[in-house]
Amino acid sequence: MKKVAIFGNAGGGKSTLAKALADAKGLPLRSLDKMKYQSGGAEVPHADYLKNHSDLLKQDRWVIDGFGCVASAWERFAAADTLIYVDLPICQHGWWITKRLLKGWYVNPEGWPDGSPIIKGTLSSYKVLWICHKKLTPKYRQMISEVKSVKEVYHLTSRRDIKDFLRRL
């Protein structure tokens, strides 16, 4: 476990999981939200993001959480030796987006750049929730099924799965 990609729908706890894993394994942690957005929420130019992402994948060790964009996601999945797919029921993702909004008034959400606009980020998360569920979830499930013989794959489908995974670290 040297190159770990953590992915899944919005609000699934990917950043919190990534931080715990990076701390437990002594791996460098990179949040795609912090690569894709500047402090305050302005988006980094797409070409710069893609270049930085490509450079990151060349490093020997990393934990990367988040989505970024379609092209960088599939590039990251190919480069990773370990895939952790957070695939909770959609209502759980929705609840955790709401919980992040409420906590976000007091504490910057894990993995978000400083000063990120909590309302705008939350609305964006709600917007992509159903789209990801309908379009990406089936592709993610197929991909992890196809690569489980050549990569270490964790398909976390419940809060209990997440807790058990973290306990085993």
Protein backbone atom coordinates (compact mmCIF):
# COMPACT_ATOMS: atom_id res chain seq x y z
CA MET A 1 0.00 0.00 0.00
CA LYS A 2 2.09 2.87 -1.35
CA LYS A 3 -0.15 4.62 -3.88
CA VAL A 4 -3.72 4.84 -2.62
CA ALA A 5 -6.68 6.38 -4.45
CA ILE A 6 -9.75 7.02 -2.32
CA PHE A 7 -12.87 7.83 -4.30
CA GLY A 8 -16.66 7.79 -4.24
CA ASN A 9 -19.65 10.08 -4.24
CA ALA A 10 -19.78 13.47 -2.50
CA GLY A 11 -20.10 13.52 1.27
CA GLY A 12 -18.92 9.96 1.86
CA GLY A 13 -16.14 10.80 4.31
CA LYS A 14 -13.31 10.28 1.82
CA SER A 15 -11.16 13.11 3.19
CA THR A 16 -11.55 11.99 6.79
CA LEU A 17 -10.73 8.40 5.80
CA ALA A 18 -7.75 9.56 3.73
CA LYS A 19 -6.31 11.55 6.63
CA ALA A 20 -6.64 8.60 9.02
CA LEU A 21 -5.05 6.23 6.50
CA ALA A 22 -2.18 8.59 5.68
CA ASP A 23 -1.46 9.10 9.39
CA ALA A 24 -1.60 5.37 10.12
CA LYS A 25 0.63 4.35 7.20
CA GLY A 26 2.95 7.36 7.15
CA LEU A 27 1.98 8.21 3.58
CA PRO A 28 1.82 11.74 2.15
CA LEU A 29 -1.77 12.95 1.83
CA ARG A 30 -3.03 14.97 -1.13
CA SER A 31 -6.55 16.30 -1.39
CA LEU A 32 -7.74 16.95 -4.92
CA ASP A 33 -9.98 19.75 -3.69
CA LYS A 34 -6.85 21.54 -2.46
CA MET A 35 -5.15 20.93 -5.82
CA LYS A 36 -8.15 22.02 -7.88
CA TYR A 37 -9.19 25.05 -5.80
CA GLN A 38 -7.27 27.91 -4.23
CA SER A 39 -7.92 29.35 -0.78
CA GLY A 40 -11.25 31.13 -0.94
CA GLY A 41 -12.64 28.72 -3.52
CA ALA A 42 -11.32 30.07 -6.85
CA GLU A 43 -10.60 27.26 -9.30
CA VAL A 44 -7.02 26.60 -10.42
CA PRO A 45 -6.64 26.73 -14.23
CA HIS A 46 -7.50 23.27 -15.55
CA ALA A 47 -4.20 22.81 -17.40
CA ASP A 48 -2.30 23.61 -14.19
CA TYR A 49 -4.41 21.14 -12.23
CA LEU A 50 -3.78 18.37 -14.81
CA LYS A 51 -0.02 19.06 -14.80
CA ASN A 52 0.17 19.04 -10.99
CA HIS A 53 -1.92 15.86 -10.85
CA SER A 54 0.31 14.12 -13.39
CA ASP A 55 3.42 15.17 -11.45
CA LEU A 56 1.89 13.86 -8.23
CA LEU A 57 1.24 10.43 -9.76
CA LYS A 58 4.95 10.10 -10.56
CA GLN A 59 5.82 10.20 -6.86
CA ASP A 60 6.59 6.91 -5.10
CA ARG A 61 4.03 7.21 -2.30
CA TRP A 62 0.72 8.99 -1.84
CA VAL A 63 -2.83 8.90 -0.59
CA ILE A 64 -5.08 10.92 -2.89
CA ASP A 65 -8.69 11.58 -2.07
CA GLY A 66 -11.36 13.13 -4.23
CA PHE A 67 -12.44 13.29 -7.83
CA GLY A 68 -10.78 16.18 -9.71
CA CYS A 69 -12.11 15.41 -13.19
CA VAL A 70 -12.94 12.32 -15.23
CA ALA A 71 -9.61 12.18 -17.06
CA SER A 72 -7.49 12.56 -13.92
CA ALA A 73 -9.63 10.07 -11.97
CA TRP A 74 -9.05 7.22 -14.42
CA GLU A 75 -5.36 8.12 -14.70
CA ARG A 76 -5.09 7.99 -10.89
CA PHE A 77 -6.91 4.66 -10.64
CA ALA A 78 -4.47 3.16 -13.15
CA ALA A 79 -1.43 4.48 -11.24
CA ALA A 80 -2.63 3.39 -7.78
CA ASP A 81 -1.68 0.06 -6.25
CA THR A 82 -4.60 0.37 -3.80
CA LEU A 83 -8.15 1.52 -4.52
CA ILE A 84 -10.58 2.42 -1.75
CA TYR A 85 -14.09 2.96 -3.03
CA VAL A 86 -16.51 4.58 -0.57
CA ASP A 87 -19.90 3.43 -1.87
CA LEU A 88 -22.48 4.23 0.79
CA PRO A 89 -26.24 4.44 0.27
CA ILE A 90 -27.09 7.73 -1.43
CA CYS A 91 -29.11 8.92 1.57
CA GLN A 92 -26.00 8.50 3.77
CA HIS A 93 -23.97 10.65 1.37
CA GLY A 94 -26.74 13.27 1.41
CA TRP A 95 -26.90 13.30 5.21
CA TRP A 96 -23.12 13.68 5.52
CA ILE A 97 -23.18 16.59 3.03
CA THR A 98 -25.74 18.27 5.29
CA LYS A 99 -23.69 17.47 8.39
CA ARG A 100 -20.58 18.94 6.71
CA LEU A 101 -22.56 22.11 5.94
CA LEU A 102 -23.59 22.51 9.58
CA LYS A 103 -20.09 21.82 10.92
CA GLY A 104 -18.60 23.98 8.15
CA TRP A 105 -19.91 27.15 9.77
CA TYR A 106 -17.40 26.54 12.58
CA VAL A 107 -14.64 24.31 11.16
CA ASN A 108 -13.23 24.18 7.63
CA PRO A 109 -14.25 20.80 6.14
CA GLU A 110 -11.49 18.18 6.00
CA GLY A 111 -9.66 18.35 2.67
CA TRP A 112 -11.13 21.71 1.62
CA PRO A 113 -8.89 24.74 0.93
CA ASP A 114 -8.97 27.41 3.63
CA GLY A 115 -11.77 29.90 3.21
CA SER A 116 -13.79 27.70 0.86
CA PRO A 117 -17.36 28.96 0.48
CA ILE A 118 -19.38 26.41 2.45
CA ILE A 119 -22.75 27.22 0.83
CA LYS A 120 -21.38 27.08 -2.73
CA GLY A 121 -19.46 23.87 -1.98
CA THR A 122 -22.50 22.26 -0.38
CA LEU A 123 -24.79 23.17 -3.29
CA SER A 124 -22.21 21.74 -5.67
CA SER A 125 -22.06 18.52 -3.61
CA TYR A 126 -25.84 18.16 -3.66
CA LYS A 127 -25.82 18.81 -7.42
CA VAL A 128 -23.29 16.08 -8.19
CA LEU A 129 -24.73 13.58 -5.71
CA TRP A 130 -27.41 12.13 -8.01
CA ILE A 131 -25.33 12.58 -11.19
CA CYS A 132 -22.45 10.62 -9.68
CA HIS A 133 -24.83 7.98 -8.35
CA LYS A 134 -26.37 7.42 -11.78
CA LYS A 135 -23.33 7.83 -14.05
CA LEU A 136 -20.13 7.10 -12.12
CA THR A 137 -21.23 4.58 -9.48
CA PRO A 138 -21.88 1.80 -12.04
CA LYS A 139 -18.53 2.53 -13.74
CA TYR A 140 -16.69 2.54 -10.41
CA ARG A 141 -18.25 -0.77 -9.42
CA GLN A 142 -17.32 -2.35 -12.73
CA MET A 143 -13.77 -1.01 -12.59
CA ILE A 144 -13.04 -2.32 -9.09
CA SER A 145 -14.48 -5.69 -10.05
CA GLU A 146 -12.14 -5.86 -13.05
CA VAL A 147 -8.94 -4.81 -11.21
CA LYS A 148 -9.31 -6.66 -7.90
CA SER A 149 -7.02 -9.44 -9.15
CA VAL A 150 -4.14 -7.00 -9.82
CA LYS A 151 -4.68 -4.28 -7.21
CA GLU A 152 -5.56 -4.13 -3.55
CA VAL A 153 -9.24 -3.11 -3.53
CA TYR A 154 -11.47 -2.08 -0.64
CA HIS A 155 -15.15 -1.57 -1.43
CA LEU A 156 -16.63 0.16 1.62
CA THR A 157 -20.42 0.05 1.49
CA SER A 158 -21.43 1.03 5.03
CA ARG A 159 -20.34 3.09 8.01
CA ARG A 160 -19.42 -0.20 9.66
CA ASP A 161 -17.12 -1.10 6.74
CA ILE A 162 -15.36 2.25 7.17
CA LYS A 163 -14.97 1.75 10.93
CA ASP A 164 -13.71 -1.81 10.45
CA PHE A 165 -11.22 -0.69 7.79
CA LEU A 166 -9.87 2.04 10.09
CA ARG A 167 -9.68 -0.35 13.04
CA ARG A 168 -7.58 -2.79 10.99
CA LEU A 169 -5.03 -0.09 10.20
